[in-house]
Amino acid sequence: MKLLSPVISRLARMRLWGIQNWISFPISAQRNVLQHLVTQAQYTEFGRKYKFSRLFTVKDFKTRVPIHEYDDLKPYINRMMAGEENILWNTPIYWFAKSSGTTSDKSKFIPISEQSLKDIHFKASKDVLTNYYKNFPDSELLTGKSLVVGGSHQVHNIDGEIQYGDLSAVLMQNTPFWGHWIRTPDLSIALLDEWESKIEQLAKSTINENVTSLAGVPTWTIILIKRILEISGKKTLKEVWPNLELYMHGGVSFTPYREQVNKLIGSPINYLEIYNASEGFIAAQNKPDDDGLLLFTDHGIFYEFLPADEYKKPNPNTIGLKEVQLHKNYALVISTNGGLWRYLIGDTVQFTSLKPFKIKVTGRVKHYMNAFGEEVIVDNSDKAIAIASARTGALVKDYTAAPVFFSENKNGAHEWLIEFETPPADLKKFIIELDEALKSLNSDYEAKRHKNIALSLPIVHSLKKETFTKWLKSKGRLGGQHKVPRLSNERIMIEEILLLENGGGSGMQKAKS
């Protein structure tokens, strides 16, 4: 390990020239990416349908190929999962990354080609490492091990060579040989599916390792750190791993977790945010003091940006990097060498810098809750409310929900404010039915709720009638097209409504686990 790490470190530093080239000429890099994508896929079924062989400009591409959401590509993807080739991409697809579902499916499956593994995920990972060494030239990051804390890593065979799992599982199974030497724990533990025993084995198997970096969603990372401290009897993680120097995070906002993570670690380390979705490794911090994430423009992904007011129009108009403006919300549209074409990924971003192009993730195109990686969307919550109401004889007039963030002694939860037209006879039964319905509709929520490891049972407040009307009136939003937002990823609105409710008397019922 000590002999290999300096070699890898030098190779990482040698990549700087290539990185600087696409940072300096991002428009040219993007044009080359699109040309390569169209050329490679011109004889696929999708490429023949949209006449890729006759596409010569970005304008042609946008005119010819419509914007797609998952349901639009799902028939192609289902055929690829059944073993058909040359459908969306010109090489065989053996891997699919499973992620949270669409409005009609519990889960969705993103095709990952050999090219997308190499040119998107692994190339971006190398560039993240290179930029880190540029910022911290005396780093000893690769003299130790990296501990990746992901979601459920179970890999499933579909038929023959075709497999699916969450993105972490796919990447671990395809990591280059040298990657396994600098990673912990053993793959047999990393790929465990049952989270209670997995956390236990992760903690026990890594306590005595020289861990220099952590990576993962804050939700799971905090749970693991707490268990390591319990087993070791130490007060801080730095006492367990004195050479720990980096925590890479992504997936959800780090803001609510930063103070708690700082306290658990015990002394300053470096933090680095990455934007690595199932659809592709899109961006990462390249400077520790800059919250903006450097957009990867030469990594097998062609980007378009859909202005917020264009979303859901019959023929929405996207713009390219030349036309984007600072601090405006755009829905991200991508085309990739995994076979996604003008794909509306569902995330919204804003540009924090145009030289170089840097972004921050601002949310989803729809209202959502994703404080813990659960990605609950309005369609999930609407259906869950309907199911719980049917099973308890209740009738819901209006509702909203927001997360309750981790505290030192408590897990997170979802807090619901519900105004019933007809209340359930048993509010606790309603909560249980609501929770079960959400688990049946959303695989990521189900995973976070498993044995209360990350998310506890929902907290539900039964509001007095007309509470939401009073709140809308107080905000000048009564009537017309104004509605109570169903879901929020922050607590500003829910706290306002709770304050209004409490100020109006004691007619509120509250139930929780």
Protein backbone atom coordinates (compact mmCIF):
# COMPACT_ATOMS: atom_id res chain seq x y z
CA MET A 1 0.00 0.00 0.00
CA LYS A 2 2.73 2.51 0.96
CA LEU A 3 4.60 1.74 -2.26
CA LEU A 4 1.48 1.96 -4.44
CA SER A 5 0.02 5.16 -2.99
CA PRO A 6 2.83 7.53 -4.10
CA VAL A 7 2.56 6.10 -7.63
CA ILE A 8 -1.20 6.72 -7.73
CA SER A 9 -0.65 10.16 -6.24
CA ARG A 10 1.81 11.09 -9.00
CA LEU A 11 -0.53 9.79 -11.70
CA ALA A 12 -3.38 11.85 -10.23
CA ARG A 13 -1.26 14.99 -10.32
CA MET A 14 -0.33 14.28 -13.97
CA ARG A 15 -4.02 14.59 -14.94
CA LEU A 16 -4.03 18.30 -14.16
CA TRP A 17 -3.20 19.35 -17.73
CA GLY A 18 -6.17 17.45 -19.16
CA ILE A 19 -8.51 18.85 -16.51
CA GLN A 20 -7.37 22.38 -17.18
CA ASN A 21 -8.02 21.88 -20.89
CA TRP A 22 -11.74 21.10 -20.53
CA ILE A 23 -12.15 23.73 -17.81
CA SER A 24 -10.71 26.33 -20.19
CA PHE A 25 -12.69 25.17 -23.25
CA PRO A 26 -15.98 23.75 -21.91
CA ILE A 27 -18.12 24.62 -24.96
CA SER A 28 -15.73 22.81 -27.28
CA ALA A 29 -15.57 19.85 -24.88
CA GLN A 30 -19.36 19.61 -24.83
CA ARG A 31 -19.60 19.79 -28.63
CA ASN A 32 -17.11 16.92 -28.90
CA VAL A 33 -19.04 14.87 -26.34
CA LEU A 34 -22.30 15.24 -28.28
CA GLN A 35 -20.63 14.38 -31.59
CA HIS A 36 -19.19 11.22 -30.06
CA LEU A 37 -22.53 10.20 -28.53
CA VAL A 38 -24.49 10.64 -31.76
CA THR A 39 -21.82 8.93 -33.88
CA GLN A 40 -21.64 5.92 -31.55
CA ALA A 41 -25.41 5.49 -31.35
CA GLN A 42 -26.39 6.24 -34.95
CA TYR A 43 -27.10 2.59 -35.81
CA THR A 44 -28.99 1.74 -32.63
CA GLU A 45 -32.76 1.39 -32.77
CA PHE A 46 -33.09 4.79 -31.07
CA GLY A 47 -30.50 6.37 -33.37
CA ARG A 48 -32.25 5.11 -36.52
CA LYS A 49 -35.62 6.31 -35.25
CA TYR A 50 -34.35 9.86 -34.79
CA LYS A 51 -31.98 9.77 -37.79
CA PHE A 52 -28.78 10.34 -35.85
CA SER A 53 -26.75 9.88 -39.04
CA ARG A 54 -28.22 13.18 -40.30
CA LEU A 55 -27.61 15.21 -37.13
CA PHE A 56 -24.80 17.70 -37.63
CA THR A 57 -25.49 20.48 -35.09
CA VAL A 58 -26.76 20.90 -31.55
CA LYS A 59 -29.82 22.61 -33.02
CA ASP A 60 -30.54 19.55 -35.19
CA PHE A 61 -30.23 17.30 -32.15
CA LYS A 62 -32.65 19.39 -30.07
CA THR A 63 -35.11 19.73 -32.94
CA ARG A 64 -35.13 16.03 -33.81
CA VAL A 65 -34.99 14.35 -30.38
CA PRO A 66 -37.70 15.08 -27.78
CA ILE A 67 -37.04 15.50 -24.07
CA HIS A 68 -37.62 12.24 -22.20
CA GLU A 69 -38.60 11.33 -18.66
CA TYR A 70 -38.11 7.83 -17.29
CA ASP A 71 -41.49 6.52 -18.40
CA ASP A 72 -40.66 7.57 -21.98
CA LEU A 73 -37.48 5.47 -22.01
CA LYS A 74 -38.83 2.65 -19.85
CA PRO A 75 -39.98 0.43 -22.79
CA TYR A 76 -36.46 0.58 -24.27
CA ILE A 77 -34.86 -0.09 -20.88
CA ASN A 78 -37.13 -3.07 -20.19
CA ARG A 79 -36.03 -4.63 -23.48
CA MET A 80 -32.37 -4.01 -22.62
CA MET A 81 -32.87 -5.63 -19.23
CA ALA A 82 -34.34 -8.63 -21.09
CA GLY A 83 -31.10 -8.95 -23.05
CA GLU A 84 -31.80 -7.07 -26.29
CA GLU A 85 -28.82 -5.16 -27.67
CA ASN A 86 -28.30 -2.08 -29.82
CA ILE A 87 -31.40 -0.38 -28.44
CA LEU A 88 -30.29 2.87 -26.77
CA TRP A 89 -26.52 2.33 -26.98
CA ASN A 90 -24.28 0.47 -29.41
CA THR A 91 -22.51 -1.82 -26.93
CA PRO A 92 -24.04 -4.45 -24.64
CA ILE A 93 -25.45 -3.17 -21.34
CA TYR A 94 -24.81 -5.60 -18.50
CA TRP A 95 -25.42 -3.29 -15.54
CA PHE A 96 -28.38 -1.20 -14.37
CA ALA A 97 -28.33 1.18 -11.42
CA LYS A 98 -31.50 0.97 -9.35
CA SER A 99 -32.73 4.23 -7.87
CA SER A 100 -35.94 5.70 -6.48
CA GLY A 101 -38.98 5.42 -8.69
CA THR A 102 -41.08 7.57 -10.94
CA THR A 103 -44.74 8.39 -10.54
CA SER A 104 -45.72 4.91 -11.72
CA ASP A 105 -42.87 2.74 -10.45
CA LYS A 106 -41.38 2.01 -7.06
CA SER A 107 -37.90 1.92 -8.61
CA LYS A 108 -36.24 2.93 -11.86
CA PHE A 109 -33.30 1.26 -13.59
CA ILE A 110 -30.60 3.35 -15.24
CA PRO A 111 -28.49 1.63 -17.92
CA ILE A 112 -24.72 1.73 -17.31
CA SER A 113 -22.45 0.82 -20.21
CA GLU A 114 -18.76 -0.03 -20.09
CA GLN A 115 -18.10 3.41 -21.62
CA SER A 116 -20.15 5.24 -18.98
CA LEU A 117 -18.30 3.43 -16.19
CA LYS A 118 -14.97 4.46 -17.72
CA ASP A 119 -15.70 7.93 -19.10
CA ILE A 120 -18.24 9.18 -16.57
CA HIS A 121 -17.89 7.57 -13.16
CA PHE A 122 -14.25 6.52 -12.97
CA LYS A 123 -12.83 9.44 -14.96
CA ALA A 124 -14.69 11.91 -12.76
CA SER A 125 -13.47 10.10 -9.62
CA LYS A 126 -9.87 10.43 -10.82
CA ASP A 127 -10.38 14.13 -11.51
CA VAL A 128 -11.83 14.65 -8.03
CA LEU A 129 -8.71 13.01 -6.60
CA THR A 130 -6.45 15.11 -8.81
CA ASN A 131 -8.09 18.36 -7.74
CA TYR A 132 -7.83 17.31 -4.10
CA TYR A 133 -4.07 16.82 -4.45
CA LYS A 134 -3.81 20.17 -6.18
CA ASN A 135 -5.42 21.83 -3.16
CA PHE A 136 -3.56 19.72 -0.59
CA PRO A 137 -0.18 18.79 -2.12
CA ASP A 138 1.10 17.34 1.17
CA SER A 139 -1.90 15.06 1.58
CA GLU A 140 -1.35 11.49 2.74
CA LEU A 141 -4.83 10.44 1.62
CA LEU A 142 -3.65 7.37 -0.28
CA THR A 143 -1.37 6.06 2.45
CA GLY A 144 -4.53 4.75 4.12
CA LYS A 145 -7.93 3.32 3.26
CA SER A 146 -11.15 4.86 1.99
CA LEU A 147 -14.40 3.80 3.64
CA VAL A 148 -17.47 4.23 1.43
CA VAL A 149 -20.81 4.23 3.25
CA GLY A 150 -23.56 3.81 0.68
CA GLY A 151 -27.08 2.51 0.55
CA SER A 152 -28.13 -1.10 0.03
CA HIS A 153 -25.42 -2.77 -2.06
CA GLN A 154 -27.10 -6.06 -2.91
CA VAL A 155 -26.53 -7.11 -6.53
CA HIS A 156 -29.29 -9.02 -8.33
CA ASN A 157 -28.98 -11.14 -11.46
CA ILE A 158 -31.70 -10.64 -14.04
CA ASP A 159 -30.68 -13.09 -16.70
CA GLY A 160 -27.25 -14.41 -17.54
CA GLU A 161 -24.72 -11.57 -17.35
CA ILE A 162 -27.26 -8.79 -16.78
CA GLN A 163 -27.36 -7.46 -13.21
CA TYR A 164 -28.70 -4.54 -11.22
CA GLY A 165 -28.00 -2.91 -7.87
CA ASP A 166 -27.74 0.55 -6.46
CA LEU A 167 -25.00 2.74 -7.92
CA SER A 168 -22.57 1.94 -5.08
CA ALA A 169 -22.89 -1.78 -5.77
CA VAL A 170 -22.36 -1.37 -9.51
CA LEU A 171 -19.26 0.78 -8.99
CA MET A 172 -17.79 -1.54 -6.37
CA GLN A 173 -18.26 -4.58 -8.60
CA ASN A 174 -16.50 -2.79 -11.48
CA THR A 175 -13.78 -0.93 -9.60
CA PRO A 176 -10.29 -1.26 -11.17
CA PHE A 177 -7.98 -3.64 -9.30
CA TRP A 178 -6.05 -0.85 -7.61
CA GLY A 179 -9.27 0.60 -6.22
CA HIS A 180 -9.83 -2.46 -4.04
CA TRP A 181 -6.40 -2.01 -2.45
CA ILE A 182 -7.27 1.44 -1.12
CA ARG A 183 -10.82 0.62 -0.04
CA THR A 184 -12.25 -0.89 3.14
CA PRO A 185 -14.02 -3.08 4.19
CA ASP A 186 -13.86 -6.35 2.29
CA LEU A 187 -16.28 -6.54 -0.62
CA SER A 188 -18.28 -9.30 1.10
CA ILE A 189 -19.19 -6.84 3.86
CA ALA A 190 -19.61 -3.81 1.60
CA LEU A 191 -22.17 -5.70 -0.48
CA LEU A 192 -24.32 -6.86 2.44
CA ASP A 193 -28.00 -5.96 2.05
CA GLU A 194 -29.32 -6.16 5.63
CA TRP A 195 -28.42 -2.80 7.13
CA GLU A 196 -28.52 -3.58 10.84
CA SER A 197 -25.91 -6.34 10.56
CA LYS A 198 -24.05 -4.43 7.85
CA ILE A 199 -23.51 -1.37 10.06
CA GLU A 200 -22.28 -3.68 12.82
CA GLN A 201 -19.80 -5.45 10.53
CA LEU A 202 -18.69 -2.20 8.89
CA ALA A 203 -17.89 -0.79 12.32
CA LYS A 204 -16.10 -3.85 13.69
CA SER A 205 -14.09 -4.54 10.54
CA THR A 206 -12.79 -1.00 10.06
CA ILE A 207 -11.99 0.16 13.60
CA ASN A 208 -8.40 -1.07 13.40
CA GLU A 209 -7.81 0.09 9.80
CA ASN A 210 -5.88 3.24 8.89
CA VAL A 211 -8.88 5.07 7.42
CA THR A 212 -7.93 8.39 5.83
CA SER A 213 -11.20 9.20 4.03
CA LEU A 214 -14.93 8.65 4.37
CA ALA A 215 -17.54 8.91 1.63
CA GLY A 216 -21.30 8.62 1.78
CA VAL A 217 -24.67 10.19 2.45
CA PRO A 218 -24.60 11.92 5.89
CA THR A 219 -27.55 9.84 7.11
CA TRP A 220 -25.72 6.53 7.02
CA THR A 221 -22.33 8.00 7.86
CA ILE A 222 -23.57 9.44 11.16
CA ILE A 223 -25.14 6.12 12.13
CA LEU A 224 -21.87 4.28 11.38
CA ILE A 225 -19.72 6.80 13.26
CA LYS A 226 -21.92 6.53 16.36
CA ARG A 227 -21.66 2.75 16.33
CA ILE A 228 -17.87 2.88 15.90
CA LEU A 229 -17.61 5.18 18.91
CA GLU A 230 -19.84 2.87 20.96
CA ILE A 231 -17.73 -0.20 20.15
CA SER A 232 -14.36 1.52 20.57
CA GLY A 233 -15.28 3.46 23.70
CA LYS A 234 -13.74 6.56 22.13
CA LYS A 235 -15.29 10.02 22.27
CA THR A 236 -14.38 11.17 18.76
CA LEU A 237 -13.64 9.55 15.41
CA LYS A 238 -10.20 11.16 15.29
CA GLU A 239 -9.26 9.06 18.31
CA VAL A 240 -10.16 5.95 16.31
CA TRP A 241 -8.66 7.09 13.00
CA PRO A 242 -6.03 9.77 13.75
CA ASN A 243 -5.08 10.08 10.04
CA LEU A 244 -8.64 10.79 8.83
CA GLU A 245 -8.44 13.87 6.62
CA LEU A 246 -11.40 13.89 4.19
CA TYR A 247 -15.15 13.33 4.18
CA MET A 248 -16.84 13.28 0.74
CA HIS A 249 -20.59 13.80 0.93
CA GLY A 250 -23.50 14.17 -1.47
CA GLY A 251 -27.06 13.11 -2.16
CA VAL A 252 -28.68 15.43 0.39
CA SER A 253 -27.88 18.84 1.82
CA PHE A 254 -24.97 18.68 4.28
CA THR A 255 -26.02 21.86 6.08
CA PRO A 256 -28.22 20.25 8.78
CA TYR A 257 -25.56 17.65 9.50
CA ARG A 258 -22.32 19.66 9.49
CA GLU A 259 -22.33 20.63 13.17
CA GLN A 260 -23.11 17.10 14.32
CA VAL A 261 -20.45 15.55 12.04
CA ASN A 262 -17.86 18.06 13.27
CA LYS A 263 -18.60 17.09 16.86
CA LEU A 264 -18.46 13.36 16.13
CA ILE A 265 -15.13 13.64 14.27
CA GLY A 266 -13.62 15.80 16.99
CA SER A 267 -11.12 17.93 15.07
CA PRO A 268 -11.10 19.71 11.69
CA ILE A 269 -10.90 17.66 8.49
CA ASN A 270 -11.57 18.51 4.85
CA TYR A 271 -15.07 18.27 3.40
CA LEU A 272 -15.79 17.77 -0.29
CA GLU A 273 -19.22 17.74 -1.90
CA ILE A 274 -19.86 15.56 -4.95
CA TYR A 275 -22.84 15.24 -7.29
CA ASN A 276 -22.71 11.61 -8.35
CA ALA A 277 -26.15 10.42 -9.44
CA SER A 278 -27.16 7.03 -10.84
CA GLU A 279 -27.40 8.77 -14.22
CA GLY A 280 -23.83 10.06 -14.06
CA PHE A 281 -21.06 11.78 -12.09
CA ILE A 282 -21.99 15.37 -12.86
CA ALA A 283 -19.99 17.74 -10.66
CA ALA A 284 -17.80 18.11 -7.57
CA GLN A 285 -16.13 20.78 -5.49
CA ASN A 286 -12.70 21.56 -6.86
CA LYS A 287 -11.86 24.17 -4.22
CA PRO A 288 -12.51 23.66 -0.52
CA ASP A 289 -13.57 27.27 0.13
CA ASP A 290 -16.05 27.38 -2.79
CA ASP A 291 -19.52 25.87 -2.36
CA GLY A 292 -20.00 25.68 -6.13
CA LEU A 293 -19.47 22.31 -7.81
CA LEU A 294 -17.31 22.19 -10.94
CA LEU A 295 -19.40 20.88 -13.86
CA PHE A 296 -17.67 17.95 -15.59
CA THR A 297 -17.92 18.85 -19.28
CA ASP A 298 -15.67 16.18 -20.83
CA HIS A 299 -17.00 13.03 -19.17
CA GLY A 300 -19.49 11.35 -21.51
CA ILE A 301 -22.43 13.62 -20.63
CA PHE A 302 -23.95 16.33 -22.81
CA TYR A 303 -25.86 18.92 -20.79
CA GLU A 304 -28.89 21.04 -21.51
CA PHE A 305 -30.66 23.35 -19.10
CA LEU A 306 -34.42 23.77 -18.98
CA PRO A 307 -35.60 27.12 -17.53
CA ALA A 308 -38.13 26.64 -14.75
CA ASP A 309 -40.92 28.33 -16.71
CA GLU A 310 -40.42 25.91 -19.63
CA TYR A 311 -41.07 22.78 -17.57
CA LYS A 312 -44.22 20.91 -18.68
CA LYS A 313 -44.68 23.04 -21.80
CA PRO A 314 -45.60 20.97 -24.91
CA ASN A 315 -42.31 21.82 -26.65
CA PRO A 316 -39.95 23.01 -23.91
CA ASN A 317 -36.91 24.99 -24.97
CA THR A 318 -33.58 24.14 -23.38
CA ILE A 319 -30.44 26.27 -23.43
CA GLY A 320 -26.75 25.39 -23.50
CA LEU A 321 -23.77 26.55 -21.50
CA LYS A 322 -23.36 29.66 -23.68
CA GLU A 323 -26.76 30.97 -22.56
CA VAL A 324 -27.01 30.04 -18.88
CA GLN A 325 -27.17 32.80 -16.28
CA LEU A 326 -26.10 32.96 -12.68
CA HIS A 327 -28.53 32.11 -9.87
CA LYS A 328 -31.41 31.07 -12.11
CA ASN A 329 -33.13 27.74 -11.60
CA TYR A 330 -32.75 25.17 -14.40
CA ALA A 331 -33.97 21.60 -14.67
CA LEU A 332 -31.06 19.43 -15.78
CA VAL A 333 -31.39 17.53 -19.09
CA ILE A 334 -28.63 15.06 -20.00
CA SER A 335 -27.59 12.73 -22.83
CA THR A 336 -25.06 10.05 -21.88
CA ASN A 337 -22.94 7.21 -23.22
CA GLY A 338 -25.08 4.91 -21.12
CA GLY A 339 -28.00 5.43 -23.49
CA LEU A 340 -29.97 8.26 -21.89
CA TRP A 341 -31.14 10.77 -24.52
CA ARG A 342 -32.30 14.28 -23.61
CA TYR A 343 -33.23 12.81 -20.25
CA LEU A 344 -34.86 15.04 -17.63
CA ILE A 345 -32.97 13.85 -14.60
CA GLY A 346 -35.38 15.54 -12.18
CA ASP A 347 -32.85 17.76 -10.38
CA THR A 348 -32.80 21.53 -10.53
CA VAL A 349 -29.53 23.46 -10.44
CA GLN A 350 -28.28 27.02 -10.34
CA PHE A 351 -24.97 28.32 -11.67
CA THR A 352 -22.74 29.89 -9.05
CA SER A 353 -19.94 30.64 -11.56
CA LEU A 354 -19.63 30.86 -15.34
CA LYS A 355 -15.81 30.88 -15.54
CA PRO A 356 -15.44 28.03 -14.83
CA PHE A 357 -18.96 26.59 -14.91
CA LYS A 358 -19.99 25.69 -11.38
CA ILE A 359 -23.39 24.66 -10.09
CA LYS A 360 -25.26 23.89 -6.93
CA VAL A 361 -28.20 21.50 -6.67
CA THR A 362 -31.31 23.40 -5.65
CA GLY A 363 -33.92 20.66 -5.52
CA ARG A 364 -36.20 18.65 -7.74
CA VAL A 365 -38.53 19.69 -10.52
CA LYS A 366 -41.39 18.65 -8.26
CA HIS A 367 -41.97 19.18 -4.55
CA TYR A 368 -40.11 16.51 -2.62
CA MET A 369 -38.50 15.44 0.65
CA ASN A 370 -34.92 14.23 0.41
CA ALA A 371 -33.30 15.12 3.73
CA PHE A 372 -32.10 11.54 4.23
CA GLY A 373 -31.83 10.23 0.68
CA GLU A 374 -35.45 9.03 0.67
CA GLU A 375 -36.57 11.10 -2.36
CA VAL A 376 -40.26 11.13 -1.48
CA ILE A 377 -42.19 12.95 -4.21
CA VAL A 378 -45.72 14.35 -4.19
CA ASP A 379 -47.11 11.45 -6.14
CA ASN A 380 -45.87 9.11 -3.37
CA SER A 381 -47.39 11.22 -0.59
CA ASP A 382 -50.72 11.76 -2.38
CA LYS A 383 -51.12 8.03 -2.94
CA ALA A 384 -50.04 7.17 0.60
CA ILE A 385 -52.53 9.65 2.09
CA ALA A 386 -55.29 8.11 -0.05
CA ILE A 387 -54.39 4.56 1.00
CA ALA A 388 -54.20 5.44 4.71
CA SER A 389 -57.51 7.31 4.50
CA ALA A 390 -59.25 4.37 2.81
CA ARG A 391 -57.95 1.95 5.42
CA THR A 392 -58.99 4.07 8.41
CA GLY A 393 -62.18 5.73 7.18
CA ALA A 394 -60.57 9.16 7.21
CA LEU A 395 -60.98 12.01 4.74
CA VAL A 396 -58.08 14.41 4.29
CA LYS A 397 -58.75 18.00 3.28
CA ASP A 398 -55.18 19.22 3.00
CA TYR A 399 -51.69 18.36 4.20
CA THR A 400 -48.03 19.29 4.11
CA ALA A 401 -44.87 17.57 5.34
CA ALA A 402 -41.24 18.35 6.07
CA PRO A 403 -38.27 16.55 7.63
CA VAL A 404 -37.21 16.53 11.27
CA PHE A 405 -33.42 16.44 11.12
CA PHE A 406 -31.06 14.28 13.15
CA SER A 407 -30.22 15.39 16.68
CA GLU A 408 -27.54 13.95 18.93
CA ASN A 409 -29.93 11.45 20.50
CA LYS A 410 -32.68 10.99 17.93
CA ASN A 411 -33.00 9.75 14.37
CA GLY A 412 -34.68 11.79 11.69
CA ALA A 413 -38.37 11.61 10.83
CA HIS A 414 -41.02 13.16 8.63
CA GLU A 415 -43.43 15.58 10.28
CA TRP A 416 -46.90 15.84 8.73
CA LEU A 417 -49.52 18.53 9.24
CA ILE A 418 -52.89 17.15 8.18
CA GLU A 419 -56.25 18.89 8.14
CA PHE A 420 -58.94 16.20 8.19
CA GLU A 421 -62.43 16.65 6.88
CA THR A 422 -63.26 13.39 8.66
CA PRO A 423 -60.63 12.40 11.24
CA PRO A 424 -59.66 8.74 11.66
CA ALA A 425 -61.03 7.02 14.74
CA ASP A 426 -57.46 6.04 15.63
CA LEU A 427 -54.77 8.53 14.60
CA LYS A 428 -51.94 6.09 15.45
CA LYS A 429 -53.41 3.51 13.07
CA PHE A 430 -53.56 6.18 10.37
CA ILE A 431 -49.85 6.89 10.90
CA ILE A 432 -48.95 3.22 10.62
CA GLU A 433 -50.98 2.88 7.41
CA LEU A 434 -49.40 6.05 6.00
CA ASP A 435 -45.93 4.71 6.76
CA GLU A 436 -46.65 1.29 5.25
CA ALA A 437 -48.10 2.88 2.12
CA LEU A 438 -45.02 5.06 1.64
CA LYS A 439 -42.77 2.02 2.01
CA SER A 440 -44.76 0.19 -0.64
CA LEU A 441 -44.52 3.12 -3.05
CA ASN A 442 -40.91 4.23 -2.60
CA SER A 443 -37.96 1.85 -2.24
CA ASP A 444 -35.60 4.53 -0.90
CA TYR A 445 -38.03 5.51 1.85
CA GLU A 446 -38.46 1.82 2.65
CA ALA A 447 -34.69 1.40 3.01
CA LYS A 448 -34.34 4.42 5.31
CA ARG A 449 -37.23 3.20 7.50
CA HIS A 450 -35.82 -0.33 7.85
CA LYS A 451 -35.73 -1.09 11.60
CA ASN A 452 -35.75 2.69 12.31
CA ILE A 453 -32.06 2.84 11.43
CA ALA A 454 -32.28 6.27 9.75
CA LEU A 455 -35.93 7.35 9.79
CA SER A 456 -38.37 6.91 12.66
CA LEU A 457 -42.13 6.51 12.31
CA PRO A 458 -43.74 9.71 10.98
CA ILE A 459 -44.93 12.42 13.38
CA VAL A 460 -48.46 13.56 12.51
CA HIS A 461 -50.33 16.64 13.72
CA SER A 462 -54.09 16.80 13.22
CA LEU A 463 -54.79 20.48 12.61
CA LYS A 464 -57.91 22.42 13.42
CA LYS A 465 -60.10 23.10 10.43
CA GLU A 466 -59.27 26.15 8.31
CA THR A 467 -55.66 26.28 9.58
CA PHE A 468 -54.25 26.07 6.05
CA THR A 469 -56.73 28.70 4.86
CA LYS A 470 -55.53 31.05 7.61
CA TRP A 471 -51.90 30.41 6.66
CA LEU A 472 -52.54 31.08 2.97
CA LYS A 473 -54.37 34.28 3.89
CA SER A 474 -51.48 35.38 6.10
CA LYS A 475 -49.14 34.95 3.13
CA GLY A 476 -51.41 36.81 0.71
CA ARG A 477 -52.01 33.62 -1.27
CA LEU A 478 -55.68 32.94 -0.64
CA GLY A 479 -57.70 31.94 -3.71
CA GLY A 480 -56.75 31.65 -7.36
CA GLN A 481 -54.07 29.13 -8.19
CA HIS A 482 -52.42 29.26 -4.77
CA LYS A 483 -52.10 25.93 -2.97
CA VAL A 484 -50.46 24.58 0.15
CA PRO A 485 -47.15 23.03 -0.97
CA ARG A 486 -47.38 19.31 -0.27
CA LEU A 487 -43.74 18.58 0.53
CA SER A 488 -40.75 20.65 1.48
CA ASN A 489 -37.11 19.84 2.14
CA GLU A 490 -36.85 22.58 4.76
CA ARG A 491 -38.89 23.51 7.83
CA ILE A 492 -39.67 27.20 7.29
CA MET A 493 -43.27 26.70 6.14
CA ILE A 494 -44.15 23.94 8.58
CA GLU A 495 -42.86 25.99 11.51
CA GLU A 496 -44.96 28.96 10.40
CA ILE A 497 -48.10 26.80 10.28
CA LEU A 498 -47.35 25.19 13.66
CA LEU A 499 -46.86 28.65 15.18
CA LEU A 500 -50.14 29.81 13.69
CA GLU A 501 -51.91 26.72 15.00
CA ASN A 502 -50.48 26.98 18.49
CA GLY A 503 -51.32 30.68 18.66
CA GLY A 504 -54.95 29.88 17.82
CA GLY A 505 -55.65 27.53 20.71
CA SER A 506 -55.07 23.95 21.76
CA GLY A 507 -57.18 22.13 19.23
CA MET A 508 -54.25 20.29 17.64
CA GLN A 509 -53.75 16.57 18.14
CA LYS A 510 -50.28 15.09 17.77
CA ALA A 511 -49.31 11.48 17.41
CA LYS A 512 -45.97 9.77 16.91
CA SER A 513 -44.14 6.58 17.67
